[in-house]
Amino acid sequence: MRTNVVLNNKLVEEAFSLTGARTKRELIDLALQELIRVRRKKDLTELAGRVHLREDFDHKAMRTLSRDSG
């Protein structure tokens, strides 16, 4: 999608220095990806307290199994 926008130069310069992006297009793509990642992650935190594990579930045993298989 092609569009024209006016960007805040200070924000763009700081974003370039933080990301290593070489073009404004690459920078904006990274920014959109990060926004989506953060918002999706936030949605997962809304599940806190709604997910219930079985009483016999042993997360430590699962770690041991994954270490042994790798």
C-alpha atoms as a PDB file:
ATOM      1  CA  MET A   1       0.000   0.000   0.000  1.00  0.00           C
ATOM      2  CA  ARG A   2       1.418   3.328  -0.991  1.00  0.00           C
ATOM      3  CA  THR A   3       0.811   6.353   1.228  1.00  0.00           C
ATOM      4  CA  ASN A   4       2.380   9.687   2.115  1.00  0.00           C
ATOM      5  CA  VAL A   5       2.841  10.674   5.745  1.00  0.00           C
ATOM      6  CA  VAL A   6       4.667  13.384   7.647  1.00  0.00           C
ATOM      7  CA  LEU A   7       6.962  11.783  10.240  1.00  0.00           C
ATOM      8  CA  ASN A   8       8.512  13.280  13.350  1.00  0.00           C
ATOM      9  CA  ASN A   9      12.204  13.650  12.394  1.00  0.00           C
ATOM     10  CA  LYS A  10      13.497  13.160  15.948  1.00  0.00           C
ATOM     11  CA  LEU A  11      11.535   9.939  16.332  1.00  0.00           C
ATOM     12  CA  VAL A  12      12.697   8.684  12.943  1.00  0.00           C
ATOM     13  CA  GLU A  13      16.363   9.427  13.759  1.00  0.00           C
ATOM     14  CA  GLU A  14      16.113   7.673  17.130  1.00  0.00           C
ATOM     15  CA  ALA A  15      14.334   4.696  15.580  1.00  0.00           C
ATOM     16  CA  PHE A  16      17.057   4.398  12.933  1.00  0.00           C
ATOM     17  CA  SER A  17      19.748   4.385  15.609  1.00  0.00           C
ATOM     18  CA  LEU A  18      17.924   1.771  17.696  1.00  0.00           C
ATOM     19  CA  THR A  19      17.016  -0.599  14.876  1.00  0.00           C
ATOM     20  CA  GLY A  20      19.753  -0.371  12.293  1.00  0.00           C
ATOM     21  CA  ALA A  21      17.119  -0.070   9.571  1.00  0.00           C
ATOM     22  CA  ARG A  22      18.529   1.371   6.360  1.00  0.00           C
ATOM     23  CA  THR A  23      15.408   2.810   4.764  1.00  0.00           C
ATOM     24  CA  LYS A  24      12.255   4.499   5.999  1.00  0.00           C
ATOM     25  CA  ARG A  25      10.225   1.702   4.474  1.00  0.00           C
ATOM     26  CA  GLU A  26      12.211  -0.900   6.416  1.00  0.00           C
ATOM     27  CA  LEU A  27      11.868   1.213   9.563  1.00  0.00           C
ATOM     28  CA  ILE A  28       8.096   1.516   9.231  1.00  0.00           C
ATOM     29  CA  ASP A  29       7.748  -2.214   8.524  1.00  0.00           C
ATOM     30  CA  LEU A  30       9.736  -2.961  11.696  1.00  0.00           C
ATOM     31  CA  ALA A  31       7.609  -0.517  13.668  1.00  0.00           C
ATOM     32  CA  LEU A  32       4.389  -2.139  12.468  1.00  0.00           C
ATOM     33  CA  GLN A  33       5.687  -5.634  13.247  1.00  0.00           C
ATOM     34  CA  GLU A  34       6.687  -4.528  16.745  1.00  0.00           C
ATOM     35  CA  LEU A  35       3.320  -2.874  17.352  1.00  0.00           C
ATOM     36  CA  ILE A  36       1.509  -6.046  16.318  1.00  0.00           C
ATOM     37  CA  ARG A  37       3.799  -8.245  18.443  1.00  0.00           C
ATOM     38  CA  VAL A  38       3.301  -6.082  21.533  1.00  0.00           C
ATOM     39  CA  ARG A  39      -0.467  -5.871  21.120  1.00  0.00           C
ATOM     40  CA  ARG A  40      -0.781  -9.626  20.609  1.00  0.00           C
ATOM     41  CA  LYS A  41       1.371 -10.226  23.666  1.00  0.00           C
ATOM     42  CA  LYS A  42      -0.858  -7.886  25.657  1.00  0.00           C
ATOM     43  CA  ASP A  43      -3.883  -9.903  24.588  1.00  0.00           C
ATOM     44  CA  LEU A  44      -2.270 -13.046  26.019  1.00  0.00           C
ATOM     45  CA  THR A  45      -1.834 -11.372  29.398  1.00  0.00           C
ATOM     46  CA  GLU A  46      -5.593 -10.920  29.509  1.00  0.00           C
ATOM     47  CA  LEU A  47      -5.809 -14.710  29.845  1.00  0.00           C
ATOM     48  CA  ALA A  48      -4.105 -14.562  33.252  1.00  0.00           C
ATOM     49  CA  GLY A  49      -6.267 -16.311  35.797  1.00  0.00           C
ATOM     50  CA  ARG A  50      -8.460 -17.859  33.110  1.00  0.00           C
ATOM     51  CA  VAL A  51      -6.186 -20.765  32.234  1.00  0.00           C
ATOM     52  CA  HIS A  52      -6.220 -23.577  34.755  1.00  0.00           C
ATOM     53  CA  LEU A  53      -3.705 -26.406  34.685  1.00  0.00           C
ATOM     54  CA  ARG A  54      -4.405 -29.910  35.870  1.00  0.00           C
ATOM     55  CA  GLU A  55      -3.576 -30.429  39.527  1.00  0.00           C
ATOM     56  CA  ASP A  56      -1.104 -33.183  38.604  1.00  0.00           C
ATOM     57  CA  PHE A  57       0.678 -31.031  35.978  1.00  0.00           C
ATOM     58  CA  ASP A  58       4.420 -30.801  36.711  1.00  0.00           C
ATOM     59  CA  HIS A  59       6.109 -28.050  34.707  1.00  0.00           C
ATOM     60  CA  LYS A  60       9.512 -28.959  36.150  1.00  0.00           C
ATOM     61  CA  ALA A  61       9.200 -32.488  34.800  1.00  0.00           C
ATOM     62  CA  MET A  62       8.420 -31.026  31.383  1.00  0.00           C
ATOM     63  CA  ARG A  63      11.685 -29.053  31.480  1.00  0.00           C
ATOM     64  CA  THR A  64      13.617 -32.201  32.324  1.00  0.00           C
ATOM     65  CA  LEU A  65      12.007 -34.071  29.435  1.00  0.00           C
ATOM     66  CA  SER A  66      12.816 -31.306  26.951  1.00  0.00           C
ATOM     67  CA  ARG A  67      16.469 -31.140  28.126  1.00  0.00           C
ATOM     68  CA  ASP A  68      16.874 -34.902  27.873  1.00  0.00           C
ATOM     69  CA  SER A  69      15.509 -35.047  24.327  1.00  0.00           C
ATOM     70  CA  GLY A  70      17.760 -32.240  23.031  1.00  0.00           C
END
